[in-house]
Amino acid sequence: MGVLEYAVISTQSLSIVLIIGMVGFVLRPSKRELKVLADINVSVLTPALLFAKISGSLTRSILGLLWFVPVMYVLLGCVGLVWTRYGGQALGLSDGFRRLCSIAVFFSNVNTILIPIMQGIAASPDARFLLRDANDTAQQVADRAIAYGMIIGIMNNILRWSVGVAIMRPAATAAEISPEDNKKTSWLTPPLIAVMCAVAVVVVSPVQKALLAEGTYVHTLWLAIDTCGDACIPLTLLGLGGQLRLQLTPRTDATGPATSASEQKRGVVLVLVGRFLIVPAVSCAALLAIYVYVPGLVPLLRSDPVLFLTLAIVSATPPAINLMTV
């Protein structure tokens, strides 16, 4: 499979994101409507997606082999922090703006970009190289990619409300944090609860087998959850398009110190180079080194090409959309 074929598949996959996002942009939802969509997504659809994909595509043995995924995510995040710290100082960025750039490089987009891309690649007839064996299917490839991405999403969610908040508010003391902030930074969110439940199902094999046994009422419940999960990504992309439209609307209620246009440009360059060059380069170099020289360290990296591709894509995705909530 040549470079041109890869480019075509990637372009087609990204087109899905662009088309759905543009629909949200054209619909021009209000801020209140976007909040309702976000509440539905976070409270119902995202937990459904997480639970269905993790419980339906991972096994206890595979889950034990995925220790490397969160470790890799944290290490890449540290690379991003080092880059923005010293790169920001070299570019003369203010301390507050440099911290903002740090979380933009640290936290990548796991759900909105990764899932449509992997679904598009898996559906392509030229993606046979991702199959584990003769019994593997394109749907199973996409489900495993989503499940691997969700493991990264766990770390993303935990670190966003701990490391992310600490980076943005390093001087805040316990007395300065309001009850609203305490509620906002609570880790026990519906998506995280869904992940914990899904992991529990995977660990307890009899429960997982009962849940996935076709023709039973319990499996019907799992199918209903899976169907809700399928609506998560389209709704997220519609909301993304609507948020972009709001961002382009002039605001008159902006508060806080302004950042100069020159500093903003330097910050954008810092984030782009870090997010799309430095972190992906380090990630691919580390993955290739493990794959070639120490394959026994992460056996799943060799046995399932989807894991390698998922980690490579995540390392090069844009900053997470939900950083605006930090």
C-alpha atoms as a PDB file:
ATOM      1  CA  MET A   1       0.000   0.000   0.000  1.00  0.00           C
ATOM      2  CA  GLY A   2       1.644   3.237  -1.166  1.00  0.00           C
ATOM      3  CA  VAL A   3       1.746   6.759   0.171  1.00  0.00           C
ATOM      4  CA  LEU A   4      -0.953   7.885  -2.272  1.00  0.00           C
ATOM      5  CA  GLU A   5      -3.401   5.248  -1.013  1.00  0.00           C
ATOM      6  CA  TYR A   6      -2.719   6.277   2.589  1.00  0.00           C
ATOM      7  CA  ALA A   7      -3.321   9.918   1.657  1.00  0.00           C
ATOM      8  CA  VAL A   8      -6.622   9.072  -0.056  1.00  0.00           C
ATOM      9  CA  ILE A   9      -7.900   7.040   2.905  1.00  0.00           C
ATOM     10  CA  SER A  10      -6.859   9.718   5.404  1.00  0.00           C
ATOM     11  CA  THR A  11      -8.476  12.474   3.334  1.00  0.00           C
ATOM     12  CA  GLN A  12     -11.720  10.531   3.059  1.00  0.00           C
ATOM     13  CA  SER A  13     -11.749   9.887   6.810  1.00  0.00           C
ATOM     14  CA  LEU A  14     -11.116  13.532   7.670  1.00  0.00           C
ATOM     15  CA  SER A  15     -13.816  14.565   5.187  1.00  0.00           C
ATOM     16  CA  ILE A  16     -16.365  12.874   7.445  1.00  0.00           C
ATOM     17  CA  VAL A  17     -15.319  15.145  10.289  1.00  0.00           C
ATOM     18  CA  LEU A  18     -15.368  18.222   8.060  1.00  0.00           C
ATOM     19  CA  ILE A  19     -18.784  17.554   6.511  1.00  0.00           C
ATOM     20  CA  ILE A  20     -20.576  16.906   9.816  1.00  0.00           C
ATOM     21  CA  GLY A  21     -18.816  19.839  11.459  1.00  0.00           C
ATOM     22  CA  MET A  22     -19.872  22.131   8.625  1.00  0.00           C
ATOM     23  CA  VAL A  23     -23.506  21.100   9.142  1.00  0.00           C
ATOM     24  CA  GLY A  24     -23.238  22.292  12.747  1.00  0.00           C
ATOM     25  CA  PHE A  25     -21.590  25.498  11.541  1.00  0.00           C
ATOM     26  CA  VAL A  26     -24.426  26.196   9.083  1.00  0.00           C
ATOM     27  CA  LEU A  27     -27.175  25.414  11.620  1.00  0.00           C
ATOM     28  CA  ARG A  28     -25.834  28.204  13.889  1.00  0.00           C
ATOM     29  CA  PRO A  29     -27.017  26.783  17.240  1.00  0.00           C
ATOM     30  CA  SER A  30     -27.211  29.217  20.119  1.00  0.00           C
ATOM     31  CA  LYS A  31     -25.010  28.935  23.185  1.00  0.00           C
ATOM     32  CA  ARG A  32     -27.947  27.570  25.163  1.00  0.00           C
ATOM     33  CA  GLU A  33     -28.668  24.924  22.507  1.00  0.00           C
ATOM     34  CA  LEU A  34     -25.024  23.898  22.458  1.00  0.00           C
ATOM     35  CA  LYS A  35     -25.110  23.493  26.225  1.00  0.00           C
ATOM     36  CA  VAL A  36     -28.133  21.183  25.948  1.00  0.00           C
ATOM     37  CA  LEU A  37     -26.344  19.110  23.292  1.00  0.00           C
ATOM     38  CA  ALA A  38     -23.232  18.954  25.457  1.00  0.00           C
ATOM     39  CA  ASP A  39     -25.237  17.849  28.510  1.00  0.00           C
ATOM     40  CA  ILE A  40     -26.898  15.038  26.525  1.00  0.00           C
ATOM     41  CA  ASN A  41     -23.571  14.008  25.084  1.00  0.00           C
ATOM     42  CA  VAL A  42     -21.660  13.952  28.367  1.00  0.00           C
ATOM     43  CA  SER A  43     -24.464  12.439  30.449  1.00  0.00           C
ATOM     44  CA  VAL A  44     -25.758   9.745  28.057  1.00  0.00           C
ATOM     45  CA  LEU A  45     -24.096   9.301  24.676  1.00  0.00           C
ATOM     46  CA  THR A  46     -20.404   9.448  25.622  1.00  0.00           C
ATOM     47  CA  PRO A  47     -20.828   7.010  28.548  1.00  0.00           C
ATOM     48  CA  ALA A  48     -22.743   4.691  26.213  1.00  0.00           C
ATOM     49  CA  LEU A  49     -19.954   4.825  23.629  1.00  0.00           C
ATOM     50  CA  LEU A  50     -17.268   4.139  26.234  1.00  0.00           C
ATOM     51  CA  PHE A  51     -19.118   1.274  27.867  1.00  0.00           C
ATOM     52  CA  ALA A  52     -20.137  -0.465  24.634  1.00  0.00           C
ATOM     53  CA  LYS A  53     -16.761  -0.273  22.878  1.00  0.00           C
ATOM     54  CA  ILE A  54     -14.646  -1.275  25.878  1.00  0.00           C
ATOM     55  CA  SER A  55     -16.909  -4.081  27.099  1.00  0.00           C
ATOM     56  CA  GLY A  56     -17.556  -5.353  23.583  1.00  0.00           C
ATOM     57  CA  SER A  57     -14.041  -5.390  22.128  1.00  0.00           C
ATOM     58  CA  LEU A  58     -11.549  -5.933  24.962  1.00  0.00           C
ATOM     59  CA  THR A  59     -10.819  -9.082  26.938  1.00  0.00           C
ATOM     60  CA  ARG A  60      -9.208  -9.462  30.323  1.00  0.00           C
ATOM     61  CA  SER A  61      -5.964 -10.689  28.774  1.00  0.00           C
ATOM     62  CA  ILE A  62      -5.779  -7.787  26.315  1.00  0.00           C
ATOM     63  CA  LEU A  63      -6.609  -5.300  29.067  1.00  0.00           C
ATOM     64  CA  GLY A  64      -3.620  -6.548  31.023  1.00  0.00           C
ATOM     65  CA  LEU A  65      -1.373  -5.999  27.993  1.00  0.00           C
ATOM     66  CA  LEU A  66      -2.477  -2.378  27.614  1.00  0.00           C
ATOM     67  CA  TRP A  67      -0.428  -1.052  30.547  1.00  0.00           C
ATOM     68  CA  PHE A  68       1.821   0.536  27.959  1.00  0.00           C
ATOM     69  CA  VAL A  69      -0.921   2.825  26.572  1.00  0.00           C
ATOM     70  CA  PRO A  70      -1.393   5.180  29.572  1.00  0.00           C
ATOM     71  CA  VAL A  71       2.355   5.128  30.232  1.00  0.00           C
ATOM     72  CA  MET A  72       3.027   6.214  26.649  1.00  0.00           C
ATOM     73  CA  TYR A  73       0.382   8.950  26.899  1.00  0.00           C
ATOM     74  CA  VAL A  74       1.894  10.407  30.079  1.00  0.00           C
ATOM     75  CA  LEU A  75       5.432  10.319  28.659  1.00  0.00           C
ATOM     76  CA  LEU A  76       4.336  12.110  25.484  1.00  0.00           C
ATOM     77  CA  GLY A  77       2.531  14.683  27.611  1.00  0.00           C
ATOM     78  CA  CYS A  78       5.746  15.323  29.537  1.00  0.00           C
ATOM     79  CA  VAL A  79       7.597  15.814  26.235  1.00  0.00           C
ATOM     80  CA  GLY A  80       4.995  18.439  25.309  1.00  0.00           C
ATOM     81  CA  LEU A  81       5.370  20.194  28.658  1.00  0.00           C
ATOM     82  CA  VAL A  82       9.151  20.370  28.313  1.00  0.00           C
ATOM     83  CA  TRP A  83       8.793  21.714  24.769  1.00  0.00           C
ATOM     84  CA  THR A  84       6.348  24.474  25.691  1.00  0.00           C
ATOM     85  CA  ARG A  85       8.230  25.445  28.850  1.00  0.00           C
ATOM     86  CA  TYR A  86      11.583  26.056  27.207  1.00  0.00           C
ATOM     87  CA  GLY A  87      10.237  26.903  23.755  1.00  0.00           C
ATOM     88  CA  GLY A  88       7.839  29.425  25.294  1.00  0.00           C
ATOM     89  CA  GLN A  89      10.656  31.037  27.253  1.00  0.00           C
ATOM     90  CA  ALA A  90      12.768  31.271  24.080  1.00  0.00           C
ATOM     91  CA  LEU A  91       9.861  32.921  22.239  1.00  0.00           C
ATOM     92  CA  GLY A  92       9.268  35.386  25.075  1.00  0.00           C
ATOM     93  CA  LEU A  93       5.738  34.239  25.949  1.00  0.00           C
ATOM     94  CA  SER A  94       4.178  35.399  29.195  1.00  0.00           C
ATOM     95  CA  ASP A  95       3.843  32.856  31.986  1.00  0.00           C
ATOM     96  CA  GLY A  96       0.040  32.594  31.781  1.00  0.00           C
ATOM     97  CA  PHE A  97      -0.043  32.247  28.002  1.00  0.00           C
ATOM     98  CA  ARG A  98       2.770  29.679  28.100  1.00  0.00           C
ATOM     99  CA  ARG A  99       0.714  27.578  30.534  1.00  0.00           C
ATOM    100  CA  LEU A 100      -2.217  27.726  28.119  1.00  0.00           C
ATOM    101  CA  CYS A 101       0.057  26.517  25.317  1.00  0.00           C
ATOM    102  CA  SER A 102       1.278  23.715  27.597  1.00  0.00           C
ATOM    103  CA  ILE A 103      -2.140  22.135  28.043  1.00  0.00           C
ATOM    104  CA  ALA A 104      -2.880  22.595  24.324  1.00  0.00           C
ATOM    105  CA  VAL A 105       0.173  20.459  23.509  1.00  0.00           C
ATOM    106  CA  PHE A 106      -0.309  18.012  26.399  1.00  0.00           C
ATOM    107  CA  PHE A 107      -3.948  17.046  25.820  1.00  0.00           C
ATOM    108  CA  SER A 108      -4.776  15.622  22.405  1.00  0.00           C
ATOM    109  CA  ASN A 109      -8.174  15.020  20.835  1.00  0.00           C
ATOM    110  CA  VAL A 110      -8.975  11.367  21.531  1.00  0.00           C
ATOM    111  CA  ASN A 111     -12.632  10.951  20.563  1.00  0.00           C
ATOM    112  CA  THR A 112     -13.756  13.438  17.942  1.00  0.00           C
ATOM    113  CA  ILE A 113     -10.884  13.005  15.495  1.00  0.00           C
ATOM    114  CA  LEU A 114      -9.565   9.516  16.244  1.00  0.00           C
ATOM    115  CA  ILE A 115     -12.815   7.583  15.961  1.00  0.00           C
ATOM    116  CA  PRO A 116     -13.984   8.867  12.527  1.00  0.00           C
ATOM    117  CA  ILE A 117     -10.475   8.441  11.115  1.00  0.00           C
ATOM    118  CA  MET A 118     -10.153   4.862  12.358  1.00  0.00           C
ATOM    119  CA  GLN A 119     -13.673   3.992  11.220  1.00  0.00           C
ATOM    120  CA  GLY A 120     -12.889   5.360   7.762  1.00  0.00           C
ATOM    121  CA  ILE A 121      -9.560   3.540   7.527  1.00  0.00           C
ATOM    122  CA  ALA A 122     -11.038   0.260   8.768  1.00  0.00           C
ATOM    123  CA  ALA A 123     -13.857   0.439   6.198  1.00  0.00           C
ATOM    124  CA  SER A 124     -11.388   0.797   3.317  1.00  0.00           C
ATOM    125  CA  PRO A 125     -10.659  -2.369   1.295  1.00  0.00           C
ATOM    126  CA  ASP A 126      -6.973  -1.374   1.314  1.00  0.00           C
ATOM    127  CA  ALA A 127      -6.755  -1.571   5.109  1.00  0.00           C
ATOM    128  CA  ARG A 128      -6.205  -5.328   5.195  1.00  0.00           C
ATOM    129  CA  PHE A 129      -2.836  -4.770   6.838  1.00  0.00           C
ATOM    130  CA  LEU A 130      -4.700  -3.909  10.074  1.00  0.00           C
ATOM    131  CA  LEU A 131      -6.337  -7.345  10.373  1.00  0.00           C
ATOM    132  CA  ARG A 132      -4.916  -9.581  13.097  1.00  0.00           C
ATOM    133  CA  ASP A 133      -5.860 -12.822  11.362  1.00  0.00           C
ATOM    134  CA  ALA A 134      -8.197 -14.322   8.757  1.00  0.00           C
ATOM    135  CA  ASN A 135     -11.156 -14.109  11.144  1.00  0.00           C
ATOM    136  CA  ASP A 136     -10.717 -10.410  11.880  1.00  0.00           C
ATOM    137  CA  THR A 137     -13.170  -7.900  10.366  1.00  0.00           C
ATOM    138  CA  ALA A 138     -13.201  -4.186   9.596  1.00  0.00           C
ATOM    139  CA  GLN A 139     -15.778  -3.588  12.357  1.00  0.00           C
ATOM    140  CA  GLN A 140     -13.602  -5.391  14.890  1.00  0.00           C
ATOM    141  CA  VAL A 141     -10.627  -3.292  13.781  1.00  0.00           C
ATOM    142  CA  ALA A 142     -12.605  -0.080  14.332  1.00  0.00           C
ATOM    143  CA  ASP A 143     -13.933  -1.296  17.701  1.00  0.00           C
ATOM    144  CA  ARG A 144     -10.448  -2.164  18.951  1.00  0.00           C
ATOM    145  CA  ALA A 145      -9.119   1.221  17.842  1.00  0.00           C
ATOM    146  CA  ILE A 146     -11.927   2.938  19.748  1.00  0.00           C
ATOM    147  CA  ALA A 147     -11.291   0.788  22.813  1.00  0.00           C
ATOM    148  CA  TYR A 148      -7.565   1.588  22.740  1.00  0.00           C
ATOM    149  CA  GLY A 149      -8.435   5.256  22.331  1.00  0.00           C
ATOM    150  CA  MET A 150     -10.771   5.057  25.301  1.00  0.00           C
ATOM    151  CA  ILE A 151      -7.924   3.809  27.499  1.00  0.00           C
ATOM    152  CA  ILE A 152      -6.062   6.964  26.505  1.00  0.00           C
ATOM    153  CA  GLY A 153      -9.273   8.882  27.156  1.00  0.00           C
ATOM    154  CA  ILE A 154      -9.250   7.676  30.767  1.00  0.00           C
ATOM    155  CA  MET A 155      -5.828   9.207  31.317  1.00  0.00           C
ATOM    156  CA  ASN A 156      -6.914  12.308  29.390  1.00  0.00           C
ATOM    157  CA  ASN A 157      -9.921  12.819  31.650  1.00  0.00           C
ATOM    158  CA  ILE A 158      -8.018  12.241  34.906  1.00  0.00           C
ATOM    159  CA  LEU A 159      -5.001  14.346  33.982  1.00  0.00           C
ATOM    160  CA  ARG A 160      -7.098  17.140  32.483  1.00  0.00           C
ATOM    161  CA  TRP A 161      -8.788  17.784  35.822  1.00  0.00           C
ATOM    162  CA  SER A 162      -5.594  17.418  37.833  1.00  0.00           C
ATOM    163  CA  VAL A 163      -2.498  18.346  35.856  1.00  0.00           C
ATOM    164  CA  GLY A 164      -4.460  20.651  33.530  1.00  0.00           C
ATOM    165  CA  VAL A 165      -6.027  22.613  36.373  1.00  0.00           C
ATOM    166  CA  ALA A 166      -2.704  22.740  38.244  1.00  0.00           C
ATOM    167  CA  ILE A 167      -0.954  24.140  35.169  1.00  0.00           C
ATOM    168  CA  MET A 168      -3.580  26.803  34.543  1.00  0.00           C
ATOM    169  CA  ARG A 169      -3.940  27.835  38.194  1.00  0.00           C
ATOM    170  CA  PRO A 170      -0.605  27.115  39.862  1.00  0.00           C
ATOM    171  CA  ALA A 171      -1.011  29.813  42.488  1.00  0.00           C
ATOM    172  CA  ALA A 172      -4.511  28.856  43.574  1.00  0.00           C
ATOM    173  CA  THR A 173      -4.886  27.820  47.200  1.00  0.00           C
ATOM    174  CA  ALA A 174      -7.587  25.751  48.814  1.00  0.00           C
ATOM    175  CA  ALA A 175      -9.219  28.915  50.148  1.00  0.00           C
ATOM    176  CA  GLU A 176      -9.380  30.405  46.652  1.00  0.00           C
ATOM    177  CA  ILE A 177     -11.182  27.447  45.063  1.00  0.00           C
ATOM    178  CA  SER A 178     -14.929  27.959  45.099  1.00  0.00           C
ATOM    179  CA  PRO A 179     -17.546  25.213  45.635  1.00  0.00           C
ATOM    180  CA  GLU A 180     -18.396  25.531  41.934  1.00  0.00           C
ATOM    181  CA  ASP A 181     -14.757  24.818  41.038  1.00  0.00           C
ATOM    182  CA  ASN A 182     -14.729  21.792  43.318  1.00  0.00           C
ATOM    183  CA  LYS A 183     -17.792  20.459  41.543  1.00  0.00           C
ATOM    184  CA  LYS A 184     -16.285  21.226  38.150  1.00  0.00           C
ATOM    185  CA  THR A 185     -13.034  19.378  38.885  1.00  0.00           C
ATOM    186  CA  SER A 186     -14.731  16.261  40.208  1.00  0.00           C
ATOM    187  CA  TRP A 187     -13.320  13.222  38.453  1.00  0.00           C
ATOM    188  CA  LEU A 188     -16.394  11.063  38.986  1.00  0.00           C
ATOM    189  CA  THR A 189     -18.143  12.093  35.771  1.00  0.00           C
ATOM    190  CA  PRO A 190     -20.629   9.921  33.830  1.00  0.00           C
ATOM    191  CA  PRO A 191     -17.992   8.986  31.188  1.00  0.00           C
ATOM    192  CA  LEU A 192     -15.524   7.936  33.872  1.00  0.00           C
ATOM    193  CA  ILE A 193     -18.199   5.905  35.665  1.00  0.00           C
ATOM    194  CA  ALA A 194     -18.991   4.203  32.342  1.00  0.00           C
ATOM    195  CA  VAL A 195     -15.321   3.341  31.850  1.00  0.00           C
ATOM    196  CA  MET A 196     -15.072   1.908  35.365  1.00  0.00           C
ATOM    197  CA  CYS A 197     -18.183  -0.219  34.773  1.00  0.00           C
ATOM    198  CA  ALA A 198     -16.870  -1.407  31.407  1.00  0.00           C
ATOM    199  CA  VAL A 199     -13.499  -2.376  32.885  1.00  0.00           C
ATOM    200  CA  ALA A 200     -15.308  -4.262  35.669  1.00  0.00           C
ATOM    201  CA  VAL A 201     -17.318  -6.159  33.028  1.00  0.00           C
ATOM    202  CA  VAL A 202     -14.148  -7.052  31.115  1.00  0.00           C
ATOM    203  CA  VAL A 203     -12.359  -8.218  34.261  1.00  0.00           C
ATOM    204  CA  VAL A 204     -15.294 -10.452  35.286  1.00  0.00           C
ATOM    205  CA  SER A 205     -15.408 -12.731  32.230  1.00  0.00           C
ATOM    206  CA  PRO A 206     -18.740 -14.485  33.031  1.00  0.00           C
ATOM    207  CA  VAL A 207     -20.496 -11.121  33.178  1.00  0.00           C
ATOM    208  CA  GLN A 208     -18.978 -10.082  29.850  1.00  0.00           C
ATOM    209  CA  LYS A 209     -19.984 -13.368  28.198  1.00  0.00           C
ATOM    210  CA  ALA A 210     -23.543 -13.031  29.501  1.00  0.00           C
ATOM    211  CA  LEU A 211     -23.750  -9.435  28.301  1.00  0.00           C
ATOM    212  CA  LEU A 212     -22.562 -10.309  24.787  1.00  0.00           C
ATOM    213  CA  ALA A 213     -24.512 -13.546  24.397  1.00  0.00           C
ATOM    214  CA  GLU A 214     -26.778 -12.960  21.405  1.00  0.00           C
ATOM    215  CA  GLY A 215     -30.463 -13.736  21.723  1.00  0.00           C
ATOM    216  CA  THR A 216     -30.741 -12.783  25.395  1.00  0.00           C
ATOM    217  CA  TYR A 217     -32.506  -9.845  27.026  1.00  0.00           C
ATOM    218  CA  VAL A 218     -29.252  -8.767  28.638  1.00  0.00           C
ATOM    219  CA  HIS A 219     -27.652  -8.538  25.202  1.00  0.00           C
ATOM    220  CA  THR A 220     -30.612  -6.449  24.030  1.00  0.00           C
ATOM    221  CA  LEU A 221     -29.768  -3.970  26.786  1.00  0.00           C
ATOM    222  CA  TRP A 222     -26.135  -3.893  25.596  1.00  0.00           C
ATOM    223  CA  LEU A 223     -27.315  -3.282  22.006  1.00  0.00           C
ATOM    224  CA  ALA A 224     -29.424  -0.330  23.188  1.00  0.00           C
ATOM    225  CA  ILE A 225     -26.368   1.128  24.896  1.00  0.00           C
ATOM    226  CA  ASP A 226     -24.281   0.530  21.777  1.00  0.00           C
ATOM    227  CA  THR A 227     -26.883   2.292  19.622  1.00  0.00           C
ATOM    228  CA  CYS A 228     -26.786   5.345  21.890  1.00  0.00           C
ATOM    229  CA  GLY A 229     -23.005   5.308  21.636  1.00  0.00           C
ATOM    230  CA  ASP A 230     -23.170   5.445  17.837  1.00  0.00           C
ATOM    231  CA  ALA A 231     -24.846   8.855  18.116  1.00  0.00           C
ATOM    232  CA  CYS A 232     -22.040  10.323  20.244  1.00  0.00           C
ATOM    233  CA  ILE A 233     -19.520  11.246  17.555  1.00  0.00           C
ATOM    234  CA  PRO A 234     -21.965  12.870  15.065  1.00  0.00           C
ATOM    235  CA  LEU A 235     -23.470  14.957  17.873  1.00  0.00           C
ATOM    236  CA  THR A 236     -20.002  15.970  19.078  1.00  0.00           C
ATOM    237  CA  LEU A 237     -18.993  17.065  15.583  1.00  0.00           C
ATOM    238  CA  LEU A 238     -22.211  19.043  15.145  1.00  0.00           C
ATOM    239  CA  GLY A 239     -21.497  20.788  18.425  1.00  0.00           C
ATOM    240  CA  LEU A 240     -17.937  21.470  17.291  1.00  0.00           C
ATOM    241  CA  GLY A 241     -19.207  23.207  14.168  1.00  0.00           C
ATOM    242  CA  GLY A 242     -21.635  25.258  16.232  1.00  0.00           C
ATOM    243  CA  GLN A 243     -18.898  26.244  18.705  1.00  0.00           C
ATOM    244  CA  LEU A 244     -16.700  27.342  15.822  1.00  0.00           C
ATOM    245  CA  ARG A 245     -19.514  29.584  14.589  1.00  0.00           C
ATOM    246  CA  LEU A 246     -19.847  31.119  18.055  1.00  0.00           C
ATOM    247  CA  GLN A 247     -16.100  31.679  18.262  1.00  0.00           C
ATOM    248  CA  LEU A 248     -16.218  33.636  15.002  1.00  0.00           C
ATOM    249  CA  THR A 249     -19.000  35.847  16.361  1.00  0.00           C
ATOM    250  CA  PRO A 250     -17.627  39.111  17.839  1.00  0.00           C
ATOM    251  CA  ARG A 251     -17.807  39.141  21.636  1.00  0.00           C
ATOM    252  CA  THR A 252     -18.362  42.171  23.807  1.00  0.00           C
ATOM    253  CA  ASP A 253     -18.082  40.476  27.207  1.00  0.00           C
ATOM    254  CA  ALA A 254     -14.412  39.495  27.090  1.00  0.00           C
ATOM    255  CA  THR A 255     -12.580  40.093  30.360  1.00  0.00           C
ATOM    256  CA  GLY A 256      -9.050  39.662  31.651  1.00  0.00           C
ATOM    257  CA  PRO A 257      -5.689  40.817  30.338  1.00  0.00           C
ATOM    258  CA  ALA A 258      -5.364  40.861  26.581  1.00  0.00           C
ATOM    259  CA  THR A 259      -2.650  38.954  24.751  1.00  0.00           C
ATOM    260  CA  SER A 260      -0.937  40.839  21.956  1.00  0.00           C
ATOM    261  CA  ALA A 261      -1.389  39.650  18.381  1.00  0.00           C
ATOM    262  CA  SER A 262       2.351  39.043  18.106  1.00  0.00           C
ATOM    263  CA  GLU A 263       2.397  36.845  21.213  1.00  0.00           C
ATOM    264  CA  GLN A 264      -0.650  34.932  19.986  1.00  0.00           C
ATOM    265  CA  LYS A 265       1.099  34.153  16.695  1.00  0.00           C
ATOM    266  CA  ARG A 266       4.208  32.946  18.520  1.00  0.00           C
ATOM    267  CA  GLY A 267       2.037  30.814  20.794  1.00  0.00           C
ATOM    268  CA  VAL A 268       0.229  29.271  17.822  1.00  0.00           C
ATOM    269  CA  VAL A 269       3.574  28.377  16.231  1.00  0.00           C
ATOM    270  CA  LEU A 270       4.755  26.844  19.515  1.00  0.00           C
ATOM    271  CA  VAL A 271       1.613  24.698  19.821  1.00  0.00           C
ATOM    272  CA  LEU A 272       1.589  23.632  16.158  1.00  0.00           C
ATOM    273  CA  VAL A 273       5.228  22.566  16.164  1.00  0.00           C
ATOM    274  CA  GLY A 274       4.851  20.767  19.488  1.00  0.00           C
ATOM    275  CA  ARG A 275       1.522  19.082  18.732  1.00  0.00           C
ATOM    276  CA  PHE A 276       2.153  18.111  15.105  1.00  0.00           C
ATOM    277  CA  LEU A 277       5.950  17.686  14.916  1.00  0.00           C
ATOM    278  CA  ILE A 278       7.770  17.200  18.222  1.00  0.00           C
ATOM    279  CA  VAL A 279       5.305  14.872  19.988  1.00  0.00           C
ATOM    280  CA  PRO A 280       4.529  12.716  16.888  1.00  0.00           C
ATOM    281  CA  ALA A 281       8.246  12.401  16.072  1.00  0.00           C
ATOM    282  CA  VAL A 282       9.086  11.234  19.606  1.00  0.00           C
ATOM    283  CA  SER A 283       6.051   8.909  19.632  1.00  0.00           C
ATOM    284  CA  CYS A 284       6.844   7.213  16.306  1.00  0.00           C
ATOM    285  CA  ALA A 285      10.525   6.892  17.195  1.00  0.00           C
ATOM    286  CA  ALA A 286       9.655   5.244  20.517  1.00  0.00           C
ATOM    287  CA  LEU A 287       7.079   2.907  18.944  1.00  0.00           C
ATOM    288  CA  LEU A 288       9.470   1.847  16.173  1.00  0.00           C
ATOM    289  CA  ALA A 289      12.298   1.283  18.648  1.00  0.00           C
ATOM    290  CA  ILE A 290      10.093  -0.956  20.813  1.00  0.00           C
ATOM    291  CA  TYR A 291       8.687  -2.766  17.764  1.00  0.00           C
ATOM    292  CA  VAL A 292      12.131  -3.528  16.324  1.00  0.00           C
ATOM    293  CA  TYR A 293      14.460  -3.887  19.312  1.00  0.00           C
ATOM    294  CA  VAL A 294      12.351  -4.936  22.314  1.00  0.00           C
ATOM    295  CA  PRO A 295       9.138  -6.501  20.928  1.00  0.00           C
ATOM    296  CA  GLY A 296       8.725  -8.572  24.084  1.00  0.00           C
ATOM    297  CA  LEU A 297       8.165  -5.413  26.126  1.00  0.00           C
ATOM    298  CA  VAL A 298       4.782  -4.813  24.472  1.00  0.00           C
ATOM    299  CA  PRO A 299       3.740  -8.005  22.613  1.00  0.00           C
ATOM    300  CA  LEU A 300       0.397  -6.503  21.607  1.00  0.00           C
ATOM    301  CA  LEU A 301       2.232  -3.868  19.585  1.00  0.00           C
ATOM    302  CA  ARG A 302       3.361  -6.588  17.162  1.00  0.00           C
ATOM    303  CA  SER A 303       0.319  -8.858  17.291  1.00  0.00           C
ATOM    304  CA  ASP A 304      -2.239  -6.108  16.660  1.00  0.00           C
ATOM    305  CA  PRO A 305      -1.293  -3.421  14.078  1.00  0.00           C
ATOM    306  CA  VAL A 306      -4.303  -1.383  15.216  1.00  0.00           C
ATOM    307  CA  LEU A 307      -2.575  -0.504  18.496  1.00  0.00           C
ATOM    308  CA  PHE A 308       0.491   0.860  16.697  1.00  0.00           C
ATOM    309  CA  LEU A 309      -1.636   2.944  14.316  1.00  0.00           C
ATOM    310  CA  THR A 310      -3.912   4.222  17.097  1.00  0.00           C
ATOM    311  CA  LEU A 311      -1.004   5.435  19.228  1.00  0.00           C
ATOM    312  CA  ALA A 312       0.630   7.065  16.207  1.00  0.00           C
ATOM    313  CA  ILE A 313      -2.579   8.900  15.242  1.00  0.00           C
ATOM    314  CA  VAL A 314      -3.327  10.044  18.802  1.00  0.00           C
ATOM    315  CA  SER A 315       0.149  11.556  19.064  1.00  0.00           C
ATOM    316  CA  ALA A 316      -0.599  13.785  16.066  1.00  0.00           C
ATOM    317  CA  THR A 317      -4.217  14.811  16.686  1.00  0.00           C
ATOM    318  CA  PRO A 318      -5.141  18.444  17.424  1.00  0.00           C
ATOM    319  CA  PRO A 319      -5.602  19.740  20.984  1.00  0.00           C
ATOM    320  CA  ALA A 320      -8.652  18.395  22.786  1.00  0.00           C
ATOM    321  CA  ILE A 321     -11.896  20.273  22.142  1.00  0.00           C
ATOM    322  CA  ASN A 322     -12.885  20.080  25.811  1.00  0.00           C
ATOM    323  CA  LEU A 323      -9.860  22.127  26.910  1.00  0.00           C
ATOM    324  CA  MET A 324     -12.204  25.115  26.907  1.00  0.00           C
ATOM    325  CA  THR A 325     -13.767  23.657  30.070  1.00  0.00           C
ATOM    326  CA  VAL A 326     -10.507  23.594  32.054  1.00  0.00           C
END
